């Protein structure tokens, strides 16, 4: 009987903290004591572990057993420490040599019968294990496809506590998967069922959506009920360029922490689309908890966050979006520390122009000026300033629906978007900028220079529309994107005119 330790990991937001599970078996009154700043579910692990060990065919001695999860300053939560605790105890009992767990990270939940159950956050754990120099990871069998996304680490999947003990004792062989190998990455996605060719008419709105996606700009759609705003927004992912392998891993990492990845094909190869109901709370939107977990804005990272019926959201909920829209990340401060979650997404909002939805058609609109002001007042000017493109979706005419005119497909639009994105990638390859929407003030002076005629037009628009400095910069970014769609090196007058037009609609409703 002696001391032993096993490496494991704790998820802190999106950061992984390496945890050393230490076990000591010594003479004394029979007790199984656990320490190390533990949450209630970790404290309960003592009963699960003891029962699982007994049902796996091993007898715990009538001795003093102390288990410590170090460092003691990091709060541990979840059931992923069950397996490393059990192996640390069994190793200290001499069931298998301690050296067998050298350079090995272990995680997994135990059932009372000794079965090993899946746990969330495997991908970031294995990534951290690789950084720490671990040669292999012992994880639940159901988590193997996810763990195998990381190259350079041996992944051992287990289903029973007894079998991993026999393996560590040299009595049984287990299949080992080398991460990053063939078959661990899903080649494609399911066939898209949504397409822009489904939408008749609304050419101006389609154009606005194309510009928004090409430059990563935020988009606001305003129109009466049934004008196709939601249909338009839900089809935006079909024209987004596919994520790079690095982006796929980054997106999958977020979903892994929340246990939201597909067990068979864990790698997310498409852009996320998160549609949020207007009853959402601030914590659900930005992330929350004693140890914060990512919220909807982080789940939309690399993709689209869609807020339907924008004016129905609580004003404080909308206001928390202002900082992440500006910085592409969210910072949450707790007593345990500061947590940073990625939040680089395209925000698409849709709303009716008034409570009844018919403004400014005064023959149909039944809203009073007070009702209209209260309805639109939920959306503040600072929030509107962070929207790059505002466009009106008019009521669809019968001729557009019945005409049966063939509409442009999403694949054609995506081709133009990808070409514009390639231009931006090459332009900013030496900078940490992915799209035009991420340009800072300094970069605007370099990449968004205006000619004499364009400068005169911008000066007139600034004075007549009462633009803010932020809105001025937004117009330049959008104009740069429109020029990229035209494969134009310089921003021309027609590009700037279209960009300014996307900022006139909000002046119609918010005066």
Protein backbone atom coordinates (compact mmCIF):
# COMPACT_ATOMS: atom_id res chain seq x y z
CA UNK A 1 0.00 0.00 0.00
CA UNK A 2 1.39 3.36 -0.96
CA UNK A 3 0.93 6.65 -2.83
CA UNK A 4 0.06 7.05 -6.53
CA UNK A 5 -1.16 9.76 -8.87
CA UNK A 6 -3.03 9.95 -12.17
CA UNK A 7 -3.37 12.89 -14.59
CA UNK A 8 -6.85 14.16 -15.43
CA UNK A 9 -8.38 17.48 -16.49
CA UNK A 10 -11.02 20.01 -15.44
CA UNK A 11 -12.89 22.31 -17.82
CA UNK A 12 -12.82 25.97 -16.74
CA UNK A 13 -14.96 27.78 -19.30
CA UNK A 14 -13.13 26.77 -22.48
CA UNK A 15 -9.78 26.49 -20.72
CA UNK A 16 -8.55 23.10 -19.55
CA UNK A 17 -6.78 22.83 -16.23
CA UNK A 18 -4.62 19.74 -15.71
CA UNK A 19 -5.62 17.97 -12.48
CA UNK A 20 -3.42 15.52 -10.61
CA UNK A 21 -5.52 12.87 -8.86
CA UNK A 22 -3.49 11.64 -5.88
CA UNK A 23 -4.39 8.60 -3.78
CA UNK A 24 -2.79 7.38 -0.57
CA UNK A 25 -3.61 4.10 1.17
CA UNK A 26 -2.21 3.75 4.68
CA UNK A 27 -2.85 2.15 8.04
CA UNK A 28 -5.59 3.70 10.12
CA UNK A 29 -9.31 3.71 10.67
CA UNK A 30 -11.18 2.55 7.52
CA UNK A 31 -12.26 5.70 5.70
CA UNK A 32 -12.50 6.95 2.12
CA UNK A 33 -11.87 10.69 2.26
CA UNK A 34 -11.71 13.11 -0.70
CA UNK A 35 -10.32 16.66 -0.66
CA UNK A 36 -9.42 19.35 -3.19
CA UNK A 37 -12.16 22.02 -3.56
CA UNK A 38 -14.83 19.63 -4.83
CA UNK A 39 -18.37 20.27 -6.03
CA UNK A 40 -21.21 18.07 -4.77
CA UNK A 41 -21.13 15.73 -7.79
CA UNK A 42 -17.37 15.15 -7.30
CA UNK A 43 -17.87 14.45 -3.59
CA UNK A 44 -20.44 11.81 -4.56
CA UNK A 45 -17.74 10.10 -6.63
CA UNK A 46 -16.48 8.32 -3.50
CA UNK A 47 -19.59 6.12 -3.36
CA UNK A 48 -19.60 5.50 -7.12
CA UNK A 49 -15.91 4.62 -7.14
CA UNK A 50 -16.04 2.26 -4.15
CA UNK A 51 -19.08 0.42 -5.51
CA UNK A 52 -17.63 0.23 -9.05
CA UNK A 53 -14.33 -1.18 -7.72
CA UNK A 54 -16.16 -3.82 -5.70
CA UNK A 55 -18.40 -4.81 -8.64
CA UNK A 56 -15.33 -5.04 -10.88
CA UNK A 57 -13.92 -7.86 -8.75
CA UNK A 58 -11.54 -5.93 -6.49
CA UNK A 59 -11.78 -5.70 -2.70
CA UNK A 60 -10.93 -2.46 -0.99
CA UNK A 61 -8.80 -3.00 2.14
CA UNK A 62 -9.96 -1.85 5.56
CA UNK A 63 -7.47 1.01 5.60
CA UNK A 64 -7.38 4.80 5.49
CA UNK A 65 -7.74 6.08 1.93
CA UNK A 66 -7.25 9.74 1.08
CA UNK A 67 -7.81 11.11 -2.41
CA UNK A 68 -6.65 14.63 -3.32
CA UNK A 69 -7.45 16.49 -6.53
CA UNK A 70 -4.69 19.03 -7.02
CA UNK A 71 -4.35 21.95 -7.38
CA UNK A 72 -6.71 22.64 -4.49
CA UNK A 73 -7.34 26.21 -5.72
CA UNK A 74 -9.25 25.01 -8.81
CA UNK A 75 -12.88 24.04 -8.30
CA UNK A 76 -13.69 20.61 -9.72
CA UNK A 77 -17.13 19.71 -11.01
CA UNK A 78 -18.73 16.95 -13.06
CA UNK A 79 -18.39 13.18 -13.03
CA UNK A 80 -15.33 12.90 -15.29
CA UNK A 81 -13.00 12.28 -12.30
CA UNK A 82 -14.57 8.91 -11.42
CA UNK A 83 -12.24 6.80 -13.58
CA UNK A 84 -8.97 8.57 -12.66
CA UNK A 85 -9.91 8.37 -8.94
CA UNK A 86 -10.58 4.63 -9.26
CA UNK A 87 -7.30 4.01 -11.12
CA UNK A 88 -5.33 6.08 -8.62
CA UNK A 89 -6.78 4.05 -5.72
CA UNK A 90 -6.20 0.71 -7.47
CA UNK A 91 -2.65 1.72 -8.37
CA UNK A 92 -1.88 2.60 -4.75
CA UNK A 93 -3.25 -0.84 -3.79
CA UNK A 94 -0.73 -2.47 -6.14
CA UNK A 95 -3.31 -3.87 -8.59
CA UNK A 96 -1.09 -2.75 -11.50
CA UNK A 97 2.30 -1.02 -11.79
CA UNK A 98 2.27 2.75 -11.30
CA UNK A 99 4.59 3.24 -14.27
CA UNK A 100 1.84 2.09 -16.61
CA UNK A 101 0.02 5.41 -16.11
CA UNK A 102 3.05 7.58 -16.80
CA UNK A 103 2.41 10.31 -19.44
CA UNK A 104 -1.25 9.28 -19.55
CA UNK A 105 -4.34 11.43 -19.07
CA UNK A 106 -7.50 9.70 -17.83
CA UNK A 107 -11.13 10.82 -17.77
CA UNK A 108 -14.49 9.09 -17.56
CA UNK A 109 -17.60 8.57 -15.44
CA UNK A 110 -18.26 5.27 -13.66
CA UNK A 111 -21.52 3.41 -13.21
CA UNK A 112 -22.03 1.31 -10.10
CA UNK A 113 -21.39 -1.87 -12.10
CA UNK A 114 -18.00 -0.61 -13.25
CA UNK A 115 -19.09 0.56 -16.72
CA UNK A 116 -17.35 3.65 -18.10
CA UNK A 117 -19.74 6.32 -19.38
CA UNK A 118 -19.10 9.18 -21.78
CA UNK A 119 -18.26 12.68 -20.56
CA UNK A 120 -18.32 16.13 -22.24
CA UNK A 121 -15.26 18.18 -23.19
CA UNK A 122 -13.09 15.36 -24.54
CA UNK A 123 -11.68 17.36 -27.47
CA UNK A 124 -10.18 20.23 -25.41
CA UNK A 125 -8.95 17.70 -22.81
CA UNK A 126 -7.04 15.67 -25.40
CA UNK A 127 -5.68 18.87 -26.97
CA UNK A 128 -4.40 19.96 -23.57
CA UNK A 129 -2.94 16.50 -22.92
CA UNK A 130 -0.94 16.82 -26.13
CA UNK A 131 0.37 20.23 -25.06
CA UNK A 132 1.40 18.76 -21.69
CA UNK A 133 3.44 16.06 -23.44
CA UNK A 134 1.14 13.10 -22.70
CA UNK A 135 1.61 10.13 -25.03
CA UNK A 136 -1.86 8.67 -24.60
CA UNK A 137 -5.33 9.30 -23.21
CA UNK A 138 -7.66 6.76 -21.61
CA UNK A 139 -11.23 7.84 -22.28
CA UNK A 140 -14.72 6.28 -22.55
CA UNK A 141 -15.22 4.21 -25.69
CA UNK A 142 -18.12 6.44 -26.82
CA UNK A 143 -15.79 9.46 -26.81
CA UNK A 144 -13.08 7.86 -28.97
CA UNK A 145 -14.16 9.44 -32.31
CA UNK A 146 -14.02 12.87 -30.69
CA UNK A 147 -10.66 12.29 -29.02
CA UNK A 148 -9.23 10.92 -32.27
CA UNK A 149 -9.63 14.34 -33.90
CA UNK A 150 -6.37 15.36 -32.23
CA UNK A 151 -3.27 14.04 -33.92
CA UNK A 152 -0.13 12.80 -32.20
CA UNK A 153 -1.85 11.21 -29.18
CA UNK A 154 -2.77 7.55 -28.63
CA UNK A 155 -6.44 7.18 -27.73
CA UNK A 156 -7.53 4.14 -25.70
CA UNK A 157 -11.28 3.66 -25.38
CA UNK A 158 -12.61 1.65 -22.44
CA UNK A 159 -16.05 0.31 -21.53
CA UNK A 160 -15.31 -1.36 -18.15
CA UNK A 161 -13.09 -0.56 -15.21
CA UNK A 162 -11.98 -4.19 -15.03
CA UNK A 163 -10.73 -4.25 -18.62
CA UNK A 164 -8.54 -1.16 -18.22
CA UNK A 165 -7.08 -2.70 -15.06
CA UNK A 166 -6.27 -5.91 -16.94
CA UNK A 167 -4.74 -3.83 -19.74
CA UNK A 168 -2.56 -1.88 -17.33
CA UNK A 169 -1.51 -5.17 -15.73
CA UNK A 170 -0.54 -6.61 -19.12
CA UNK A 171 -3.28 -9.27 -19.07
CA UNK A 172 -5.42 -7.85 -21.90
CA UNK A 173 -4.91 -5.91 -25.10
CA UNK A 174 -7.03 -2.90 -25.99
CA UNK A 175 -7.43 -1.22 -29.36
CA UNK A 176 -5.39 1.96 -29.64
CA UNK A 177 -6.35 4.75 -32.03
CA UNK A 178 -3.81 7.31 -33.17
CA UNK A 179 -5.46 10.68 -33.36
CA UNK A 180 -5.83 12.55 -36.64
CA UNK A 181 -5.80 9.42 -38.76
CA UNK A 182 -8.05 8.54 -41.72
CA UNK A 183 -11.70 8.21 -40.96
CA UNK A 184 -11.71 10.58 -38.01
CA UNK A 185 -12.88 13.54 -40.03
CA UNK A 186 -16.25 13.69 -41.71
CA UNK A 187 -15.82 14.43 -45.38
CA UNK A 188 -19.04 16.28 -46.01
CA UNK A 189 -22.38 17.26 -44.60
CA UNK A 190 -25.88 16.19 -45.26
CA UNK A 191 -27.46 17.58 -48.35
CA UNK A 192 -28.89 21.02 -47.77
CA UNK A 193 -32.66 21.14 -47.86
CA UNK A 194 -32.89 24.95 -47.84
CA UNK A 195 -31.98 27.09 -50.82
CA UNK A 196 -32.38 30.70 -51.90
CA UNK A 197 -34.09 29.49 -55.06
CA UNK A 198 -37.12 28.77 -52.85
CA UNK A 199 -37.68 32.51 -52.33
CA UNK A 200 -39.59 34.37 -55.02
CA UNK A 201 -38.81 38.08 -55.38
CA UNK A 202 -37.12 40.10 -52.62
CA UNK A 203 -34.06 40.67 -54.80
CA UNK A 204 -32.89 43.65 -52.75
CA UNK A 205 -33.00 41.60 -49.54
CA UNK A 206 -31.09 38.74 -51.17
CA UNK A 207 -28.47 41.21 -52.30
CA UNK A 208 -28.15 42.61 -48.78
CA UNK A 209 -27.75 39.10 -47.37
CA UNK A 210 -25.03 38.34 -49.94
CA UNK A 211 -23.11 41.50 -49.01
CA UNK A 212 -23.50 40.74 -45.29
CA UNK A 213 -22.11 37.21 -45.64
CA UNK A 214 -19.30 38.25 -47.99
CA UNK A 215 -17.89 40.71 -45.47
CA UNK A 216 -19.10 39.22 -42.19
CA UNK A 217 -21.48 42.14 -41.57
CA UNK A 218 -24.46 42.24 -39.23
CA UNK A 219 -27.87 42.46 -40.89
CA UNK A 220 -31.27 43.83 -39.83
CA UNK A 221 -34.42 42.92 -41.77
CA UNK A 222 -37.56 45.00 -41.20
CA UNK A 223 -40.85 44.18 -42.86
CA UNK A 224 -44.48 43.13 -42.38
CA UNK A 225 -45.42 39.57 -41.35
CA UNK A 226 -45.10 37.07 -44.20
CA UNK A 227 -42.56 39.07 -46.20
CA UNK A 228 -39.97 36.28 -46.02
CA UNK A 229 -37.60 37.65 -43.36
CA UNK A 230 -37.26 34.37 -41.48
CA UNK A 231 -36.99 32.35 -44.70
CA UNK A 232 -34.19 34.64 -45.83
CA UNK A 233 -32.30 34.38 -42.55
CA UNK A 234 -32.54 30.58 -42.28
CA UNK A 235 -30.96 30.25 -45.73
CA UNK A 236 -27.92 32.38 -44.91
CA UNK A 237 -25.84 29.30 -43.86
CA UNK A 238 -26.29 27.92 -47.39
CA UNK A 239 -24.24 30.80 -48.84
CA UNK A 240 -21.59 30.91 -46.14
CA UNK A 241 -18.16 29.56 -47.17
CA UNK A 242 -17.24 26.27 -45.46
CA UNK A 243 -15.02 26.61 -42.38
CA UNK A 244 -11.33 25.87 -42.57
CA UNK A 245 -9.99 22.83 -40.66
CA UNK A 246 -8.75 25.16 -37.92
CA UNK A 247 -12.17 26.83 -37.64
CA UNK A 248 -13.90 23.42 -37.55
CA UNK A 249 -11.77 22.34 -34.59
CA UNK A 250 -12.43 25.65 -32.82
CA UNK A 251 -16.20 25.36 -33.31
CA UNK A 252 -16.22 21.68 -32.30
CA UNK A 253 -14.28 22.53 -29.13
CA UNK A 254 -17.08 24.83 -27.95
CA UNK A 255 -19.78 22.25 -28.63
CA UNK A 256 -17.66 19.54 -27.00
CA UNK A 257 -17.55 21.40 -23.68
CA UNK A 258 -21.35 21.45 -23.66
CA UNK A 259 -21.65 17.81 -24.77
CA UNK A 260 -23.37 18.77 -28.03
CA UNK A 261 -21.23 16.95 -30.60
CA UNK A 262 -22.31 14.00 -32.70
CA UNK A 263 -20.92 10.78 -31.20
CA UNK A 264 -20.12 9.13 -34.54
CA UNK A 265 -19.02 12.19 -36.52
CA UNK A 266 -17.96 14.74 -33.91
CA UNK A 267 -16.15 17.20 -36.17
CA UNK A 268 -18.45 20.09 -37.11
CA UNK A 269 -17.78 20.83 -40.77
CA UNK A 270 -20.56 23.37 -41.32
CA UNK A 271 -21.21 26.86 -40.05
CA UNK A 272 -23.43 26.96 -36.95
CA UNK A 273 -26.82 28.65 -37.09
CA UNK A 274 -28.34 29.54 -33.74
CA UNK A 275 -31.92 30.82 -33.65
CA UNK A 276 -32.70 32.35 -30.25
CA UNK A 277 -36.21 32.79 -28.83
CA UNK A 278 -37.10 36.23 -27.53
CA UNK A 279 -37.59 34.88 -23.97
CA UNK A 280 -33.85 34.12 -23.67
CA UNK A 281 -32.05 35.40 -20.58
CA UNK A 282 -28.78 37.31 -20.53
CA UNK A 283 -26.96 34.35 -18.96
CA UNK A 284 -28.23 31.97 -21.65
CA UNK A 285 -27.14 34.40 -24.35
CA UNK A 286 -23.63 35.29 -23.21
CA UNK A 287 -22.89 32.35 -20.90
CA UNK A 288 -23.17 32.00 -17.17
CA UNK A 289 -22.87 29.89 -14.04
CA UNK A 290 -20.49 29.82 -11.07
CA UNK A 291 -17.92 28.48 -13.50
CA UNK A 292 -19.33 30.00 -16.72
CA UNK A 293 -20.13 27.85 -19.71
CA UNK A 294 -20.50 29.21 -23.26
CA UNK A 295 -23.84 30.77 -24.21
CA UNK A 296 -25.66 31.17 -27.51
CA UNK A 297 -23.29 33.82 -28.86
CA UNK A 298 -20.35 31.42 -28.45
CA UNK A 299 -22.33 28.54 -29.94
CA UNK A 300 -22.82 30.82 -32.97
CA UNK A 301 -19.05 31.46 -33.23
CA UNK A 302 -17.95 31.17 -36.84
CA UNK A 303 -21.57 31.16 -38.03
CA UNK A 304 -24.86 33.01 -37.59
CA UNK A 305 -26.85 34.20 -34.57
CA UNK A 306 -30.46 34.84 -35.57
CA UNK A 307 -32.76 36.98 -33.43
CA UNK A 308 -36.30 36.80 -34.78
CA UNK A 309 -38.88 39.33 -33.57
CA UNK A 310 -36.09 41.60 -32.37
CA UNK A 311 -38.36 44.16 -30.72
CA UNK A 312 -39.85 41.43 -28.47
CA UNK A 313 -36.50 40.87 -26.73
CA UNK A 314 -35.93 42.51 -23.38
CA UNK A 315 -33.82 45.64 -23.81
CA UNK A 316 -31.16 44.57 -21.24
CA UNK A 317 -30.72 41.31 -23.16
CA UNK A 318 -30.02 43.17 -26.41
CA UNK A 319 -27.64 45.59 -24.72
CA UNK A 320 -25.29 42.79 -23.60
CA UNK A 321 -24.61 42.10 -27.28
CA UNK A 322 -22.95 45.46 -27.82
CA UNK A 323 -19.53 44.51 -26.44
CA UNK A 324 -19.19 41.09 -28.16
CA UNK A 325 -20.35 42.60 -31.47
CA UNK A 326 -17.50 45.08 -31.19
CA UNK A 327 -14.75 42.79 -29.90
CA UNK A 328 -15.76 39.36 -31.31
CA UNK A 329 -15.43 37.86 -27.84
CA UNK A 330 -17.21 37.92 -24.49
CA UNK A 331 -15.54 38.44 -21.13
CA UNK A 332 -17.20 37.14 -17.96
CA UNK A 333 -15.80 37.90 -14.52
CA UNK A 334 -16.42 35.61 -11.55
CA UNK A 335 -14.76 35.14 -8.16
CA UNK A 336 -13.01 32.08 -9.65
CA UNK A 337 -11.41 34.26 -12.32
CA UNK A 338 -11.94 35.87 -15.70
CA UNK A 339 -13.33 33.81 -18.56
CA UNK A 340 -13.08 34.69 -22.26
CA UNK A 341 -15.34 33.01 -24.83
CA UNK A 342 -15.09 33.50 -28.61
CA UNK A 343 -18.00 35.33 -30.23
CA UNK A 344 -17.11 36.06 -33.85
CA UNK A 345 -20.48 35.64 -35.55
CA UNK A 346 -22.79 37.31 -38.03
CA UNK A 347 -25.81 38.78 -36.26
CA UNK A 348 -29.03 38.64 -38.29
CA UNK A 349 -32.11 40.30 -36.82
CA UNK A 350 -35.67 40.34 -38.12
CA UNK A 351 -38.59 42.41 -36.86
CA UNK A 352 -41.92 43.91 -37.77
CA UNK A 353 -42.03 47.69 -38.25
CA UNK A 354 -44.70 48.07 -35.52
CA UNK A 355 -46.74 45.91 -33.11
CA UNK A 356 -49.40 45.16 -35.73
CA UNK A 357 -46.80 44.83 -38.48
CA UNK A 358 -48.37 47.18 -41.06
CA UNK A 359 -46.53 50.47 -40.53
CA UNK A 360 -46.13 52.71 -42.57
CA UNK A 361 -49.31 51.56 -44.40
CA UNK A 362 -51.73 53.82 -42.54
CA UNK A 363 -54.74 52.14 -44.17
CA UNK A 364 -53.83 48.93 -42.30
CA UNK A 365 -51.76 50.08 -39.33
CA UNK A 366 -53.74 50.38 -36.09
CA UNK A 367 -50.86 51.40 -33.83
CA UNK A 368 -50.80 54.73 -32.00
CA UNK A 369 -47.64 56.89 -32.03
CA UNK A 370 -47.09 55.98 -28.37
CA UNK A 371 -47.29 52.24 -29.13
CA UNK A 372 -44.92 52.65 -32.08
CA UNK A 373 -42.43 54.62 -29.99
CA UNK A 374 -42.51 52.08 -27.16
CA UNK A 375 -42.09 49.19 -29.63
CA UNK A 376 -39.11 50.66 -31.47
CA UNK A 377 -37.65 52.13 -28.28
CA UNK A 378 -36.56 48.65 -27.14
CA UNK A 379 -33.81 48.89 -29.74
CA UNK A 380 -31.34 51.58 -28.74
CA UNK A 381 -29.30 53.73 -31.10
CA UNK A 382 -25.98 52.31 -29.82
CA UNK A 383 -27.27 48.82 -30.70
CA UNK A 384 -28.37 50.00 -34.16
CA UNK A 385 -24.95 51.56 -34.73
CA UNK A 386 -23.47 48.06 -34.50
CA UNK A 387 -25.67 46.82 -37.34
CA UNK A 388 -23.83 47.23 -40.64
CA UNK A 389 -26.74 46.67 -43.03
CA UNK A 390 -30.38 47.61 -42.50
CA UNK A 391 -32.80 46.63 -45.26
CA UNK A 392 -36.56 46.68 -45.66
CA UNK A 393 -38.40 43.54 -46.75
CA UNK A 394 -41.58 44.77 -48.51
CA UNK A 395 -44.81 42.86 -48.70
CA UNK A 396 -44.60 40.22 -51.47
CA UNK A 397 -46.89 40.80 -54.44
CA UNK A 398 -49.01 38.07 -55.96
CA UNK A 399 -47.25 38.35 -59.31
CA UNK A 400 -43.92 37.44 -57.68
CA UNK A 401 -45.39 34.31 -56.11
CA UNK A 402 -47.40 33.13 -59.09
CA UNK A 403 -44.89 34.05 -61.77
CA UNK A 404 -42.76 30.98 -61.21
CA UNK A 405 -39.60 32.76 -62.33
CA UNK A 406 -36.50 30.66 -61.72
CA UNK A 407 -34.50 32.13 -58.86
CA UNK A 408 -30.77 32.09 -58.32
CA UNK A 409 -29.57 29.14 -56.27
CA UNK A 410 -27.58 29.32 -53.06
CA UNK A 411 -24.61 27.62 -54.73
CA UNK A 412 -24.28 30.45 -57.27
CA UNK A 413 -24.40 33.07 -54.53
CA UNK A 414 -21.90 31.10 -52.45
CA UNK A 415 -19.43 31.12 -55.36
CA UNK A 416 -19.43 34.93 -55.41
CA UNK A 417 -19.16 35.04 -51.62
CA UNK A 418 -16.18 32.68 -51.64
CA UNK A 419 -14.41 34.77 -54.29
CA UNK A 420 -14.91 37.91 -52.17
CA UNK A 421 -13.68 36.09 -49.06
CA UNK A 422 -10.57 34.90 -50.95
CA UNK A 423 -9.80 38.50 -51.90
CA UNK A 424 -10.06 39.52 -48.24
CA UNK A 425 -7.95 36.59 -47.08
CA UNK A 426 -5.13 37.52 -49.44
CA UNK A 427 -5.39 41.21 -48.57
CA UNK A 428 -5.18 40.63 -44.82
CA UNK A 429 -2.95 37.53 -44.76
CA UNK A 430 -0.32 39.35 -42.67
CA UNK A 431 -2.94 40.69 -40.25
CA UNK A 432 -5.25 38.97 -37.76
CA UNK A 433 -8.26 39.94 -39.85
CA UNK A 434 -10.59 37.46 -41.54
CA UNK A 435 -13.26 39.71 -43.07
CA UNK A 436 -13.86 43.38 -43.80
CA UNK A 437 -16.11 43.67 -40.76
CA UNK A 438 -13.06 43.20 -38.49
CA UNK A 439 -11.15 46.20 -39.86
CA UNK A 440 -9.96 48.67 -37.25
CA UNK A 441 -9.70 52.43 -37.65
CA UNK A 442 -6.06 52.21 -38.69
CA UNK A 443 -6.75 49.53 -41.31
CA UNK A 444 -9.67 51.55 -42.71
CA UNK A 445 -7.31 54.37 -43.67
CA UNK A 446 -5.13 51.91 -45.56
CA UNK A 447 -7.67 49.62 -47.24
CA UNK A 448 -10.74 51.85 -47.61
CA UNK A 449 -9.33 54.98 -49.22
CA UNK A 450 -11.84 57.13 -51.08
CA UNK A 451 -11.35 59.15 -54.24
CA UNK A 452 -12.34 62.81 -54.55
CA UNK A 453 -15.89 62.08 -55.77
CA UNK A 454 -16.41 59.36 -53.19
CA UNK A 455 -15.12 61.64 -50.43
CA UNK A 456 -17.60 64.34 -51.46
CA UNK A 457 -20.47 61.84 -51.45
CA UNK A 458 -19.48 60.57 -48.01
CA UNK A 459 -19.31 64.10 -46.63
CA UNK A 460 -22.84 64.83 -47.87
CA UNK A 461 -24.21 61.58 -46.43
CA UNK A 462 -22.55 62.20 -43.07
CA UNK A 463 -24.19 65.61 -42.75
CA UNK A 464 -27.65 64.76 -44.13
CA UNK A 465 -28.09 61.43 -42.30
CA UNK A 466 -26.54 62.55 -39.03
CA UNK A 467 -24.12 59.62 -38.94
CA UNK A 468 -21.99 58.73 -35.93
CA UNK A 469 -18.30 57.90 -36.20
CA UNK A 470 -19.08 54.21 -35.75
CA UNK A 471 -21.73 54.30 -38.51
CA UNK A 472 -19.28 56.11 -40.79
CA UNK A 473 -16.76 53.32 -40.32
CA UNK A 474 -19.45 50.69 -40.90
CA UNK A 475 -20.36 52.25 -44.24
CA UNK A 476 -16.73 52.16 -45.36
CA UNK A 477 -16.43 48.48 -44.43
CA UNK A 478 -19.61 47.58 -46.31
CA UNK A 479 -18.45 49.58 -49.34
CA UNK A 480 -15.16 47.67 -49.26
CA UNK A 481 -17.11 44.39 -49.32
CA UNK A 482 -19.29 45.51 -52.24
CA UNK A 483 -16.14 46.44 -54.13
CA UNK A 484 -14.69 42.99 -53.38
CA UNK A 485 -17.83 41.36 -54.80
CA UNK A 486 -17.18 43.35 -57.97
CA UNK A 487 -13.49 42.37 -57.83
CA UNK A 488 -12.65 46.07 -57.75
CA UNK A 489 -9.41 47.19 -56.14
CA UNK A 490 -10.79 50.62 -55.27
CA UNK A 491 -14.07 51.72 -53.69
CA UNK A 492 -16.05 53.43 -56.42
CA UNK A 493 -18.97 55.82 -56.17
CA UNK A 494 -21.56 53.10 -56.94
CA UNK A 495 -20.15 50.90 -54.17
CA UNK A 496 -20.34 53.73 -51.68
CA UNK A 497 -23.85 54.69 -52.80
CA UNK A 498 -25.12 51.15 -52.17
CA UNK A 499 -23.41 51.05 -48.75
CA UNK A 500 -24.96 54.37 -47.73
CA UNK A 501 -28.37 53.09 -48.86
CA UNK A 502 -28.11 50.31 -46.27
CA UNK A 503 -28.00 52.97 -43.54
CA UNK A 504 -31.02 55.04 -44.60
CA UNK A 505 -33.73 52.54 -43.65
CA UNK A 506 -33.15 52.80 -39.92
CA UNK A 507 -33.57 56.61 -40.16
CA UNK A 508 -37.08 55.98 -41.50
CA UNK A 509 -38.21 54.21 -38.32
CA UNK A 510 -35.83 55.49 -35.60
CA UNK A 511 -35.87 59.26 -35.78
